[in-house]
């Protein structure tokens, strides 16, 4: 995998809307201005919005080619060092016909986002360029009040001052929007989230010892749109990987999680990977029941009770979240319940 250069003060970064066009809506545009001001003031970055990024939901829904053009133009522009996606959605797969993989490969740069942005990460993976799962503009960089301390630390240690042997430690707290939703309104700009102490550390669903492999995965909800396309990794590409999975705020049922895992079993992927790291469910009501699904489908149905599965990682939709570099070598230590990146995420 080609590893992009780290970010430095003075670098230019681009904001794109590759899925939903929410950032450009009149009621949400303050989120763009907040993110821009924060990236400029706190990190010394020059921020630009690509030409179509702020055109709103209706326009971008009708014009996936415009979204893709922003992405391609951002990669072609040598002055741009990183690309931050605004937010997820449900149709990024529509950009696929307009993607030039050679452009991405020949112009590697930092790219971040999560959820439906899983599709874009798999595009970069096909091009052979490392990308960074996490940190969307609206949900993280433009968080009201301040960016969460855990997210600041993980962003710093991966994108700005990359560390080798970086422990993706379990955040000791969580935010539950089921009972404390902070609505996206300009009047809430200074409202700080109330986090709760997390009674759970990392949990081992099954397996023991240490396993290593390169990270590959994303939002489980999105896989159904990608399987069978040109960007879905081949079985050989899955061999020896650590699969990371997380679920969205759409709250997929236990049946839906089981169906997706069974598809991975049927493809042969579960037979060739070295381990799985699972993100904290976006809805805490699914915390225990999802664990049972993994035990049943992977341990019993697939006959892989030996396959290490580390549960409750800060990946994806359940805040706070880490930055997970696609293709980076990592280690899961099941006995000590640790998740460690064994190489720096970006070039120093």
C-alpha atoms as a PDB file:
ATOM      1  CA  UNK A   1       0.000   0.000   0.000  1.00  0.00           C
ATOM      2  CA  UNK A   2       1.194   3.523  -0.821  1.00  0.00           C
ATOM      3  CA  UNK A   3       1.314   5.549   2.387  1.00  0.00           C
ATOM      4  CA  UNK A   4       0.482   9.292   2.082  1.00  0.00           C
ATOM      5  CA  UNK A   5       2.559  12.065   3.647  1.00  0.00           C
ATOM      6  CA  UNK A   6       1.525  13.261   7.099  1.00  0.00           C
ATOM      7  CA  UNK A   7      -0.161  16.613   7.569  1.00  0.00           C
ATOM      8  CA  UNK A   8       1.807  19.703   8.523  1.00  0.00           C
ATOM      9  CA  UNK A   9       0.778  23.278   9.365  1.00  0.00           C
ATOM     10  CA  UNK A  10       0.290  25.228   6.158  1.00  0.00           C
ATOM     11  CA  UNK A  11      -0.973  22.238   4.175  1.00  0.00           C
ATOM     12  CA  UNK A  12      -4.090  22.645   2.067  1.00  0.00           C
ATOM     13  CA  UNK A  13      -6.955  20.217   2.704  1.00  0.00           C
ATOM     14  CA  UNK A  14     -10.154  19.753   0.715  1.00  0.00           C
ATOM     15  CA  UNK A  15     -13.674  19.018   1.916  1.00  0.00           C
ATOM     16  CA  UNK A  16     -15.859  16.851  -0.314  1.00  0.00           C
ATOM     17  CA  UNK A  17     -19.432  15.549  -0.105  1.00  0.00           C
ATOM     18  CA  UNK A  18     -19.274  12.089  -1.661  1.00  0.00           C
ATOM     19  CA  UNK A  19     -22.522  10.764  -0.211  1.00  0.00           C
ATOM     20  CA  UNK A  20     -25.347  12.858   1.274  1.00  0.00           C
ATOM     21  CA  UNK A  21     -25.180  16.574   0.465  1.00  0.00           C
ATOM     22  CA  UNK A  22     -26.194  17.582   3.988  1.00  0.00           C
ATOM     23  CA  UNK A  23     -23.238  19.894   4.599  1.00  0.00           C
ATOM     24  CA  UNK A  24     -24.521  22.348   1.986  1.00  0.00           C
ATOM     25  CA  UNK A  25     -28.040  22.626   3.351  1.00  0.00           C
ATOM     26  CA  UNK A  26     -28.871  26.119   4.742  1.00  0.00           C
ATOM     27  CA  UNK A  27     -29.610  24.693   8.202  1.00  0.00           C
ATOM     28  CA  UNK A  28     -26.291  22.771   8.246  1.00  0.00           C
ATOM     29  CA  UNK A  29     -23.811  25.123   6.548  1.00  0.00           C
ATOM     30  CA  UNK A  30     -22.657  26.386   9.950  1.00  0.00           C
ATOM     31  CA  UNK A  31     -21.022  22.974  10.371  1.00  0.00           C
ATOM     32  CA  UNK A  32     -18.786  23.713   7.388  1.00  0.00           C
ATOM     33  CA  UNK A  33     -17.752  27.074   8.784  1.00  0.00           C
ATOM     34  CA  UNK A  34     -17.051  25.535  12.191  1.00  0.00           C
ATOM     35  CA  UNK A  35     -14.874  22.801  10.684  1.00  0.00           C
ATOM     36  CA  UNK A  36     -13.028  25.281   8.469  1.00  0.00           C
ATOM     37  CA  UNK A  37     -12.318  27.669  11.349  1.00  0.00           C
ATOM     38  CA  UNK A  38     -11.182  24.836  13.616  1.00  0.00           C
ATOM     39  CA  UNK A  39      -8.850  23.252  11.055  1.00  0.00           C
ATOM     40  CA  UNK A  40      -7.332  26.628  10.256  1.00  0.00           C
ATOM     41  CA  UNK A  41      -6.993  27.948  13.813  1.00  0.00           C
ATOM     42  CA  UNK A  42      -6.122  24.771  15.730  1.00  0.00           C
ATOM     43  CA  UNK A  43      -4.134  22.896  13.097  1.00  0.00           C
ATOM     44  CA  UNK A  44      -2.788  25.596  10.810  1.00  0.00           C
ATOM     45  CA  UNK A  45      -4.360  24.078   7.712  1.00  0.00           C
ATOM     46  CA  UNK A  46      -5.685  25.869   4.649  1.00  0.00           C
ATOM     47  CA  UNK A  47      -9.226  24.632   3.986  1.00  0.00           C
ATOM     48  CA  UNK A  48     -11.087  24.625   0.681  1.00  0.00           C
ATOM     49  CA  UNK A  49     -14.466  23.182  -0.231  1.00  0.00           C
ATOM     50  CA  UNK A  50     -14.492  21.456  -3.612  1.00  0.00           C
ATOM     51  CA  UNK A  51     -16.894  23.125  -6.102  1.00  0.00           C
ATOM     52  CA  UNK A  52     -19.823  20.727  -5.603  1.00  0.00           C
ATOM     53  CA  UNK A  53     -19.376  19.958  -1.907  1.00  0.00           C
ATOM     54  CA  UNK A  54     -21.842  22.584  -0.675  1.00  0.00           C
ATOM     55  CA  UNK A  55     -24.548  22.275  -3.338  1.00  0.00           C
ATOM     56  CA  UNK A  56     -26.964  20.479  -1.039  1.00  0.00           C
ATOM     57  CA  UNK A  57     -28.857  17.227  -0.923  1.00  0.00           C
ATOM     58  CA  UNK A  58     -31.081  17.531  -3.981  1.00  0.00           C
ATOM     59  CA  UNK A  59     -28.327  18.479  -6.419  1.00  0.00           C
ATOM     60  CA  UNK A  60     -25.837  15.886  -5.212  1.00  0.00           C
ATOM     61  CA  UNK A  61     -28.479  13.185  -5.126  1.00  0.00           C
ATOM     62  CA  UNK A  62     -29.144  13.831  -8.812  1.00  0.00           C
ATOM     63  CA  UNK A  63     -25.481  14.202  -9.764  1.00  0.00           C
ATOM     64  CA  UNK A  64     -23.180  11.455  -8.495  1.00  0.00           C
ATOM     65  CA  UNK A  65     -20.810  12.392 -11.310  1.00  0.00           C
ATOM     66  CA  UNK A  66     -20.370  15.825  -9.690  1.00  0.00           C
ATOM     67  CA  UNK A  67     -19.443  14.211  -6.397  1.00  0.00           C
ATOM     68  CA  UNK A  68     -16.947  11.959  -8.157  1.00  0.00           C
ATOM     69  CA  UNK A  69     -15.479  14.912 -10.078  1.00  0.00           C
ATOM     70  CA  UNK A  70     -14.755  16.691  -6.798  1.00  0.00           C
ATOM     71  CA  UNK A  71     -12.908  13.617  -5.537  1.00  0.00           C
ATOM     72  CA  UNK A  72     -10.920  13.156  -8.733  1.00  0.00           C
ATOM     73  CA  UNK A  73     -10.063  16.851  -8.988  1.00  0.00           C
ATOM     74  CA  UNK A  74      -8.916  16.880  -5.368  1.00  0.00           C
ATOM     75  CA  UNK A  75      -6.572  13.988  -6.086  1.00  0.00           C
ATOM     76  CA  UNK A  76      -5.274  15.648  -9.249  1.00  0.00           C
ATOM     77  CA  UNK A  77      -4.535  18.924  -7.452  1.00  0.00           C
ATOM     78  CA  UNK A  78      -0.942  18.652  -6.221  1.00  0.00           C
ATOM     79  CA  UNK A  79      -1.477  21.522  -3.778  1.00  0.00           C
ATOM     80  CA  UNK A  80      -4.057  19.504  -1.807  1.00  0.00           C
ATOM     81  CA  UNK A  81      -2.544  17.210   0.829  1.00  0.00           C
ATOM     82  CA  UNK A  82      -5.663  15.666   2.373  1.00  0.00           C
ATOM     83  CA  UNK A  83      -9.332  15.092   1.614  1.00  0.00           C
ATOM     84  CA  UNK A  84     -11.988  15.023   4.350  1.00  0.00           C
ATOM     85  CA  UNK A  85     -15.415  13.657   3.481  1.00  0.00           C
ATOM     86  CA  UNK A  86     -18.390  15.580   4.863  1.00  0.00           C
ATOM     87  CA  UNK A  87     -20.671  12.757   5.987  1.00  0.00           C
ATOM     88  CA  UNK A  88     -21.963   9.340   5.024  1.00  0.00           C
ATOM     89  CA  UNK A  89     -25.290   8.393   3.498  1.00  0.00           C
ATOM     90  CA  UNK A  90     -26.462   5.442   1.444  1.00  0.00           C
ATOM     91  CA  UNK A  91     -25.442   5.749  -2.204  1.00  0.00           C
ATOM     92  CA  UNK A  92     -21.699   6.369  -2.593  1.00  0.00           C
ATOM     93  CA  UNK A  93     -21.578   3.245  -4.757  1.00  0.00           C
ATOM     94  CA  UNK A  94     -23.105   5.411  -7.527  1.00  0.00           C
ATOM     95  CA  UNK A  95     -19.730   7.156  -7.909  1.00  0.00           C
ATOM     96  CA  UNK A  96     -17.981   3.974  -9.047  1.00  0.00           C
ATOM     97  CA  UNK A  97     -18.374   4.474 -12.843  1.00  0.00           C
ATOM     98  CA  UNK A  98     -16.628   7.852 -12.618  1.00  0.00           C
ATOM     99  CA  UNK A  99     -13.546   6.837 -10.613  1.00  0.00           C
ATOM    100  CA  UNK A 100     -10.079   6.851 -12.195  1.00  0.00           C
ATOM    101  CA  UNK A 101      -7.969   4.516 -10.088  1.00  0.00           C
ATOM    102  CA  UNK A 102      -4.736   5.559 -11.791  1.00  0.00           C
ATOM    103  CA  UNK A 103      -5.316   9.157 -10.708  1.00  0.00           C
ATOM    104  CA  UNK A 104      -5.643   8.022  -7.095  1.00  0.00           C
ATOM    105  CA  UNK A 105      -2.604   5.752  -7.300  1.00  0.00           C
ATOM    106  CA  UNK A 106      -0.418   8.436  -8.850  1.00  0.00           C
ATOM    107  CA  UNK A 107      -1.480  11.151  -6.403  1.00  0.00           C
ATOM    108  CA  UNK A 108      -1.644   9.536  -2.951  1.00  0.00           C
ATOM    109  CA  UNK A 109      -2.957  11.734  -0.153  1.00  0.00           C
ATOM    110  CA  UNK A 110      -4.812  11.403   3.127  1.00  0.00           C
ATOM    111  CA  UNK A 111      -8.500  10.564   2.797  1.00  0.00           C
ATOM    112  CA  UNK A 112     -10.889  10.239   5.772  1.00  0.00           C
ATOM    113  CA  UNK A 113     -14.512   9.359   6.447  1.00  0.00           C
ATOM    114  CA  UNK A 114     -16.613   6.411   7.609  1.00  0.00           C
ATOM    115  CA  UNK A 115     -19.996   4.723   7.258  1.00  0.00           C
ATOM    116  CA  UNK A 116     -21.127   4.841   3.600  1.00  0.00           C
ATOM    117  CA  UNK A 117     -17.629   6.187   2.912  1.00  0.00           C
ATOM    118  CA  UNK A 118     -16.540   2.542   3.268  1.00  0.00           C
ATOM    119  CA  UNK A 119     -17.149   2.460  -0.485  1.00  0.00           C
ATOM    120  CA  UNK A 120     -14.600   5.239  -1.089  1.00  0.00           C
ATOM    121  CA  UNK A 121     -12.071   3.506   1.155  1.00  0.00           C
ATOM    122  CA  UNK A 122     -12.409   0.369  -0.939  1.00  0.00           C
ATOM    123  CA  UNK A 123     -11.835   2.497  -4.037  1.00  0.00           C
ATOM    124  CA  UNK A 124      -8.559   3.726  -2.570  1.00  0.00           C
ATOM    125  CA  UNK A 125      -7.677   0.186  -1.505  1.00  0.00           C
ATOM    126  CA  UNK A 126      -8.150  -0.991  -5.093  1.00  0.00           C
ATOM    127  CA  UNK A 127      -5.840   1.832  -6.195  1.00  0.00           C
ATOM    128  CA  UNK A 128      -3.265   0.691  -3.653  1.00  0.00           C
ATOM    129  CA  UNK A 129      -3.395   3.826  -1.487  1.00  0.00           C
ATOM    130  CA  UNK A 130      -3.763   3.732   2.303  1.00  0.00           C
ATOM    131  CA  UNK A 131      -6.809   5.603   3.618  1.00  0.00           C
ATOM    132  CA  UNK A 132      -8.141   6.432   7.078  1.00  0.00           C
ATOM    133  CA  UNK A 133     -11.445   5.174   8.438  1.00  0.00           C
ATOM    134  CA  UNK A 134     -13.016   7.759  10.760  1.00  0.00           C
ATOM    135  CA  UNK A 135     -13.170  11.549  11.114  1.00  0.00           C
ATOM    136  CA  UNK A 136     -15.954  12.850   8.939  1.00  0.00           C
ATOM    137  CA  UNK A 137     -16.400  16.618   8.810  1.00  0.00           C
ATOM    138  CA  UNK A 138     -19.911  16.909  10.226  1.00  0.00           C
ATOM    139  CA  UNK A 139     -19.770  14.305  12.987  1.00  0.00           C
ATOM    140  CA  UNK A 140     -16.199  14.713  14.235  1.00  0.00           C
ATOM    141  CA  UNK A 141     -14.263  17.734  12.983  1.00  0.00           C
ATOM    142  CA  UNK A 142     -17.325  19.986  13.370  1.00  0.00           C
ATOM    143  CA  UNK A 143     -18.425  18.521  16.689  1.00  0.00           C
ATOM    144  CA  UNK A 144     -20.166  21.132  18.805  1.00  0.00           C
ATOM    145  CA  UNK A 145     -18.207  22.645  21.673  1.00  0.00           C
ATOM    146  CA  UNK A 146     -14.906  20.945  20.846  1.00  0.00           C
ATOM    147  CA  UNK A 147     -13.546  17.838  19.185  1.00  0.00           C
ATOM    148  CA  UNK A 148     -13.503  15.009  21.689  1.00  0.00           C
ATOM    149  CA  UNK A 149     -10.118  14.508  23.385  1.00  0.00           C
ATOM    150  CA  UNK A 150      -9.816  10.849  22.361  1.00  0.00           C
ATOM    151  CA  UNK A 151     -10.498  11.748  18.736  1.00  0.00           C
ATOM    152  CA  UNK A 152      -7.989  14.623  18.875  1.00  0.00           C
ATOM    153  CA  UNK A 153      -5.337  12.250  20.208  1.00  0.00           C
ATOM    154  CA  UNK A 154      -5.970   9.581  17.597  1.00  0.00           C
ATOM    155  CA  UNK A 155      -6.082  12.113  14.766  1.00  0.00           C
ATOM    156  CA  UNK A 156      -2.803  13.636  15.951  1.00  0.00           C
ATOM    157  CA  UNK A 157      -0.992  10.303  16.323  1.00  0.00           C
ATOM    158  CA  UNK A 158      -2.031   9.024  12.900  1.00  0.00           C
ATOM    159  CA  UNK A 159      -2.350  12.008  10.557  1.00  0.00           C
ATOM    160  CA  UNK A 160      -0.053  14.698  12.046  1.00  0.00           C
ATOM    161  CA  UNK A 161       2.633  13.056  14.208  1.00  0.00           C
ATOM    162  CA  UNK A 162       2.408   9.373  13.272  1.00  0.00           C
ATOM    163  CA  UNK A 163       3.562   6.877  15.869  1.00  0.00           C
ATOM    164  CA  UNK A 164       4.756   3.326  15.412  1.00  0.00           C
ATOM    165  CA  UNK A 165       3.315   0.730  17.784  1.00  0.00           C
ATOM    166  CA  UNK A 166       0.337   2.961  18.481  1.00  0.00           C
ATOM    167  CA  UNK A 167      -2.125   1.352  20.846  1.00  0.00           C
ATOM    168  CA  UNK A 168      -5.720   1.921  19.820  1.00  0.00           C
ATOM    169  CA  UNK A 169      -6.751   1.845  23.426  1.00  0.00           C
ATOM    170  CA  UNK A 170     -10.335   1.527  24.538  1.00  0.00           C
ATOM    171  CA  UNK A 171     -11.813   4.924  25.409  1.00  0.00           C
ATOM    172  CA  UNK A 172     -13.113   4.755  29.010  1.00  0.00           C
ATOM    173  CA  UNK A 173     -16.303   6.634  28.115  1.00  0.00           C
ATOM    174  CA  UNK A 174     -19.010   6.722  25.472  1.00  0.00           C
ATOM    175  CA  UNK A 175     -21.813   8.929  24.179  1.00  0.00           C
ATOM    176  CA  UNK A 176     -25.342   7.599  23.796  1.00  0.00           C
ATOM    177  CA  UNK A 177     -27.539   9.670  21.497  1.00  0.00           C
ATOM    178  CA  UNK A 178     -30.550   7.501  22.289  1.00  0.00           C
ATOM    179  CA  UNK A 179     -31.212   9.575  25.373  1.00  0.00           C
ATOM    180  CA  UNK A 180     -29.052  12.687  24.903  1.00  0.00           C
ATOM    181  CA  UNK A 181     -29.262  13.603  21.246  1.00  0.00           C
ATOM    182  CA  UNK A 182     -27.754  17.003  20.441  1.00  0.00           C
ATOM    183  CA  UNK A 183     -29.567  18.122  17.318  1.00  0.00           C
ATOM    184  CA  UNK A 184     -27.653  19.832  14.538  1.00  0.00           C
ATOM    185  CA  UNK A 185     -28.794  23.422  15.038  1.00  0.00           C
ATOM    186  CA  UNK A 186     -26.687  26.573  15.069  1.00  0.00           C
ATOM    187  CA  UNK A 187     -28.011  27.374  18.543  1.00  0.00           C
ATOM    188  CA  UNK A 188     -26.182  24.252  19.810  1.00  0.00           C
ATOM    189  CA  UNK A 189     -22.739  25.338  18.592  1.00  0.00           C
ATOM    190  CA  UNK A 190     -21.350  25.596  22.133  1.00  0.00           C
ATOM    191  CA  UNK A 191     -23.084  22.560  23.601  1.00  0.00           C
ATOM    192  CA  UNK A 192     -20.603  19.898  24.748  1.00  0.00           C
ATOM    193  CA  UNK A 193     -21.582  16.240  24.690  1.00  0.00           C
ATOM    194  CA  UNK A 194     -22.132  14.495  27.993  1.00  0.00           C
ATOM    195  CA  UNK A 195     -20.198  11.255  28.000  1.00  0.00           C
ATOM    196  CA  UNK A 196     -20.832   8.263  30.248  1.00  0.00           C
ATOM    197  CA  UNK A 197     -18.290   5.991  31.888  1.00  0.00           C
ATOM    198  CA  UNK A 198     -18.066   2.796  29.860  1.00  0.00           C
ATOM    199  CA  UNK A 199     -18.530  -0.287  31.994  1.00  0.00           C
ATOM    200  CA  UNK A 200     -16.989  -2.414  29.242  1.00  0.00           C
ATOM    201  CA  UNK A 201     -13.334  -2.604  28.213  1.00  0.00           C
ATOM    202  CA  UNK A 202     -12.295  -4.628  25.181  1.00  0.00           C
ATOM    203  CA  UNK A 203     -14.002  -7.997  25.310  1.00  0.00           C
ATOM    204  CA  UNK A 204     -12.806 -11.254  23.791  1.00  0.00           C
ATOM    205  CA  UNK A 205     -15.666 -13.061  22.071  1.00  0.00           C
ATOM    206  CA  UNK A 206     -13.478 -16.021  21.155  1.00  0.00           C
ATOM    207  CA  UNK A 207      -9.859 -16.965  20.505  1.00  0.00           C
ATOM    208  CA  UNK A 208      -6.632 -16.439  22.428  1.00  0.00           C
ATOM    209  CA  UNK A 209      -3.031 -15.336  21.995  1.00  0.00           C
ATOM    210  CA  UNK A 210      -1.688 -12.852  19.459  1.00  0.00           C
ATOM    211  CA  UNK A 211      -2.510 -12.469  15.768  1.00  0.00           C
ATOM    212  CA  UNK A 212      -1.223 -10.027  13.196  1.00  0.00           C
ATOM    213  CA  UNK A 213      -2.516  -8.841   9.853  1.00  0.00           C
ATOM    214  CA  UNK A 214      -3.268  -5.819   7.714  1.00  0.00           C
ATOM    215  CA  UNK A 215      -6.509  -3.984   8.470  1.00  0.00           C
ATOM    216  CA  UNK A 216      -9.386  -4.225   5.998  1.00  0.00           C
ATOM    217  CA  UNK A 217     -13.092  -3.701   6.570  1.00  0.00           C
ATOM    218  CA  UNK A 218     -15.622  -0.958   7.298  1.00  0.00           C
ATOM    219  CA  UNK A 219     -19.323  -0.509   7.969  1.00  0.00           C
ATOM    220  CA  UNK A 220     -21.086  -3.866   7.869  1.00  0.00           C
ATOM    221  CA  UNK A 221     -24.322  -2.218   6.668  1.00  0.00           C
ATOM    222  CA  UNK A 222     -22.592  -1.095   3.467  1.00  0.00           C
ATOM    223  CA  UNK A 223     -21.117  -4.429   2.415  1.00  0.00           C
ATOM    224  CA  UNK A 224     -24.281  -5.534   0.617  1.00  0.00           C
ATOM    225  CA  UNK A 225     -23.841  -2.670  -1.884  1.00  0.00           C
ATOM    226  CA  UNK A 226     -20.201  -3.492  -2.613  1.00  0.00           C
ATOM    227  CA  UNK A 227     -20.012  -7.281  -2.784  1.00  0.00           C
ATOM    228  CA  UNK A 228     -19.642  -8.401  -6.392  1.00  0.00           C
ATOM    229  CA  UNK A 229     -18.388  -5.051  -7.686  1.00  0.00           C
ATOM    230  CA  UNK A 230     -14.916  -4.317  -9.025  1.00  0.00           C
ATOM    231  CA  UNK A 231     -13.793  -2.772  -5.732  1.00  0.00           C
ATOM    232  CA  UNK A 232     -14.700  -5.723  -3.502  1.00  0.00           C
ATOM    233  CA  UNK A 233     -11.404  -7.423  -2.532  1.00  0.00           C
ATOM    234  CA  UNK A 234     -10.733 -10.878  -3.929  1.00  0.00           C
ATOM    235  CA  UNK A 235     -10.397 -13.861  -1.618  1.00  0.00           C
ATOM    236  CA  UNK A 236      -6.617 -13.703  -1.980  1.00  0.00           C
ATOM    237  CA  UNK A 237      -6.675 -10.065  -0.897  1.00  0.00           C
ATOM    238  CA  UNK A 238      -8.546 -11.041   2.269  1.00  0.00           C
ATOM    239  CA  UNK A 239      -6.017 -13.729   3.132  1.00  0.00           C
ATOM    240  CA  UNK A 240      -4.192 -13.003   6.394  1.00  0.00           C
ATOM    241  CA  UNK A 241      -6.105  -9.785   7.065  1.00  0.00           C
ATOM    242  CA  UNK A 242      -7.591  -8.458  10.286  1.00  0.00           C
ATOM    243  CA  UNK A 243     -11.211  -7.693   9.404  1.00  0.00           C
ATOM    244  CA  UNK A 244     -12.642  -4.659  11.199  1.00  0.00           C
ATOM    245  CA  UNK A 245     -16.406  -4.243  11.334  1.00  0.00           C
ATOM    246  CA  UNK A 246     -18.840  -1.707  12.767  1.00  0.00           C
ATOM    247  CA  UNK A 247     -22.551  -0.993  12.493  1.00  0.00           C
ATOM    248  CA  UNK A 248     -24.423   2.237  11.830  1.00  0.00           C
ATOM    249  CA  UNK A 249     -27.016   4.261  13.686  1.00  0.00           C
ATOM    250  CA  UNK A 250     -29.607   2.687  11.389  1.00  0.00           C
ATOM    251  CA  UNK A 251     -29.524  -0.079  13.978  1.00  0.00           C
ATOM    252  CA  UNK A 252     -29.353  -3.223  11.829  1.00  0.00           C
ATOM    253  CA  UNK A 253     -31.171  -6.149  13.345  1.00  0.00           C
ATOM    254  CA  UNK A 254     -29.390  -9.216  14.630  1.00  0.00           C
ATOM    255  CA  UNK A 255     -30.739 -11.006  11.558  1.00  0.00           C
ATOM    256  CA  UNK A 256     -29.120  -8.471   9.221  1.00  0.00           C
ATOM    257  CA  UNK A 257     -25.762  -8.776  10.986  1.00  0.00           C
ATOM    258  CA  UNK A 258     -26.009 -12.563  10.785  1.00  0.00           C
ATOM    259  CA  UNK A 259     -26.888 -12.453   7.077  1.00  0.00           C
ATOM    260  CA  UNK A 260     -23.845 -10.315   6.281  1.00  0.00           C
ATOM    261  CA  UNK A 261     -21.523 -12.520   8.325  1.00  0.00           C
ATOM    262  CA  UNK A 262     -22.946 -15.603   6.606  1.00  0.00           C
ATOM    263  CA  UNK A 263     -22.180 -13.984   3.262  1.00  0.00           C
ATOM    264  CA  UNK A 264     -18.550 -13.510   4.372  1.00  0.00           C
ATOM    265  CA  UNK A 265     -18.498 -17.165   5.393  1.00  0.00           C
ATOM    266  CA  UNK A 266     -19.936 -18.244   2.028  1.00  0.00           C
ATOM    267  CA  UNK A 267     -17.321 -16.201   0.165  1.00  0.00           C
ATOM    268  CA  UNK A 268     -14.601 -18.041   2.070  1.00  0.00           C
ATOM    269  CA  UNK A 269     -13.376 -14.853   3.737  1.00  0.00           C
ATOM    270  CA  UNK A 270     -13.860 -16.089   7.303  1.00  0.00           C
ATOM    271  CA  UNK A 271     -11.703 -19.112   6.455  1.00  0.00           C
ATOM    272  CA  UNK A 272      -8.696 -17.048   5.354  1.00  0.00           C
ATOM    273  CA  UNK A 273      -8.544 -14.016   7.685  1.00  0.00           C
ATOM    274  CA  UNK A 274      -6.429 -13.955  10.850  1.00  0.00           C
ATOM    275  CA  UNK A 275      -8.884 -12.213  13.154  1.00  0.00           C
ATOM    276  CA  UNK A 276     -11.745  -9.757  13.594  1.00  0.00           C
ATOM    277  CA  UNK A 277     -12.002  -6.521  15.564  1.00  0.00           C
ATOM    278  CA  UNK A 278     -15.568  -5.300  16.099  1.00  0.00           C
ATOM    279  CA  UNK A 279     -16.584  -1.724  16.858  1.00  0.00           C
ATOM    280  CA  UNK A 280     -18.869  -0.771  19.716  1.00  0.00           C
ATOM    281  CA  UNK A 281     -22.457  -0.961  18.421  1.00  0.00           C
ATOM    282  CA  UNK A 282     -23.936   2.425  17.574  1.00  0.00           C
ATOM    283  CA  UNK A 283     -26.969   1.434  19.662  1.00  0.00           C
ATOM    284  CA  UNK A 284     -26.069   0.122  23.088  1.00  0.00           C
ATOM    285  CA  UNK A 285     -29.236  -1.950  23.158  1.00  0.00           C
ATOM    286  CA  UNK A 286     -27.467  -4.260  20.666  1.00  0.00           C
ATOM    287  CA  UNK A 287     -24.273  -4.653  22.706  1.00  0.00           C
ATOM    288  CA  UNK A 288     -24.978  -8.129  24.082  1.00  0.00           C
ATOM    289  CA  UNK A 289     -27.104  -9.494  21.252  1.00  0.00           C
ATOM    290  CA  UNK A 290     -24.508  -8.713  18.557  1.00  0.00           C
ATOM    291  CA  UNK A 291     -21.916 -10.659  20.551  1.00  0.00           C
ATOM    292  CA  UNK A 292     -24.167 -13.695  20.428  1.00  0.00           C
ATOM    293  CA  UNK A 293     -24.505 -13.344  16.646  1.00  0.00           C
ATOM    294  CA  UNK A 294     -20.721 -13.456  16.208  1.00  0.00           C
ATOM    295  CA  UNK A 295     -20.436 -16.498  18.456  1.00  0.00           C
ATOM    296  CA  UNK A 296     -23.178 -18.324  16.580  1.00  0.00           C
ATOM    297  CA  UNK A 297     -22.243 -17.498  12.980  1.00  0.00           C
ATOM    298  CA  UNK A 298     -18.433 -17.525  13.257  1.00  0.00           C
ATOM    299  CA  UNK A 299     -17.849 -19.959  16.100  1.00  0.00           C
ATOM    300  CA  UNK A 300     -20.612 -22.494  15.504  1.00  0.00           C
ATOM    301  CA  UNK A 301     -21.964 -22.250  11.941  1.00  0.00           C
ATOM    302  CA  UNK A 302     -18.614 -21.527  10.285  1.00  0.00           C
ATOM    303  CA  UNK A 303     -16.726 -23.875  12.592  1.00  0.00           C
ATOM    304  CA  UNK A 304     -14.157 -21.203  13.504  1.00  0.00           C
ATOM    305  CA  UNK A 305     -14.214 -20.996  17.327  1.00  0.00           C
ATOM    306  CA  UNK A 306     -10.459 -20.508  17.079  1.00  0.00           C
ATOM    307  CA  UNK A 307     -10.733 -17.276  15.075  1.00  0.00           C
ATOM    308  CA  UNK A 308      -9.828 -14.356  17.389  1.00  0.00           C
ATOM    309  CA  UNK A 309     -12.576 -11.753  17.760  1.00  0.00           C
ATOM    310  CA  UNK A 310     -11.930  -8.626  19.826  1.00  0.00           C
ATOM    311  CA  UNK A 311     -15.099  -6.684  20.615  1.00  0.00           C
ATOM    312  CA  UNK A 312     -16.044  -3.107  21.621  1.00  0.00           C
ATOM    313  CA  UNK A 313     -13.391  -1.114  19.739  1.00  0.00           C
ATOM    314  CA  UNK A 314     -13.758   2.638  19.129  1.00  0.00           C
ATOM    315  CA  UNK A 315     -14.431   2.242  15.420  1.00  0.00           C
ATOM    316  CA  UNK A 316     -17.172   3.934  13.443  1.00  0.00           C
ATOM    317  CA  UNK A 317     -20.486   5.272  14.672  1.00  0.00           C
ATOM    318  CA  UNK A 318     -20.248   4.939  18.478  1.00  0.00           C
ATOM    319  CA  UNK A 319     -18.405   8.012  19.719  1.00  0.00           C
ATOM    320  CA  UNK A 320     -15.608   8.590  20.439  1.00  0.00           C
ATOM    321  CA  UNK A 321     -13.843   6.995  17.471  1.00  0.00           C
ATOM    322  CA  UNK A 322     -10.264   6.250  16.456  1.00  0.00           C
ATOM    323  CA  UNK A 323      -8.612   6.568  13.037  1.00  0.00           C
ATOM    324  CA  UNK A 324      -8.155   3.162  11.409  1.00  0.00           C
ATOM    325  CA  UNK A 325      -5.654   3.014   8.510  1.00  0.00           C
ATOM    326  CA  UNK A 326      -6.636   0.636   5.711  1.00  0.00           C
ATOM    327  CA  UNK A 327      -3.840  -1.806   4.953  1.00  0.00           C
ATOM    328  CA  UNK A 328      -1.736  -1.029   8.033  1.00  0.00           C
ATOM    329  CA  UNK A 329      -0.223  -3.963   9.902  1.00  0.00           C
ATOM    330  CA  UNK A 330      -1.752  -4.422  13.339  1.00  0.00           C
ATOM    331  CA  UNK A 331      -1.697  -6.868  16.215  1.00  0.00           C
ATOM    332  CA  UNK A 332      -4.573  -8.160  18.320  1.00  0.00           C
ATOM    333  CA  UNK A 333      -3.470  -9.505  21.680  1.00  0.00           C
ATOM    334  CA  UNK A 334      -6.449 -11.418  22.989  1.00  0.00           C
ATOM    335  CA  UNK A 335      -4.832 -12.365  26.289  1.00  0.00           C
ATOM    336  CA  UNK A 336      -4.051  -8.763  27.197  1.00  0.00           C
ATOM    337  CA  UNK A 337      -6.967  -7.267  25.274  1.00  0.00           C
ATOM    338  CA  UNK A 338      -4.951  -4.818  23.171  1.00  0.00           C
ATOM    339  CA  UNK A 339      -5.215  -3.540  19.605  1.00  0.00           C
ATOM    340  CA  UNK A 340      -1.967  -2.066  18.277  1.00  0.00           C
ATOM    341  CA  UNK A 341      -0.900  -0.496  14.990  1.00  0.00           C
ATOM    342  CA  UNK A 342       2.570  -1.873  14.264  1.00  0.00           C
ATOM    343  CA  UNK A 343       3.546   0.789  11.738  1.00  0.00           C
ATOM    344  CA  UNK A 344       3.073   4.522  11.463  1.00  0.00           C
ATOM    345  CA  UNK A 345      -0.149   5.432   9.695  1.00  0.00           C
ATOM    346  CA  UNK A 346       1.357   8.124   7.470  1.00  0.00           C
ATOM    347  CA  UNK A 347       4.837   8.956   6.224  1.00  0.00           C
ATOM    348  CA  UNK A 348       6.805  10.889   8.818  1.00  0.00           C
END
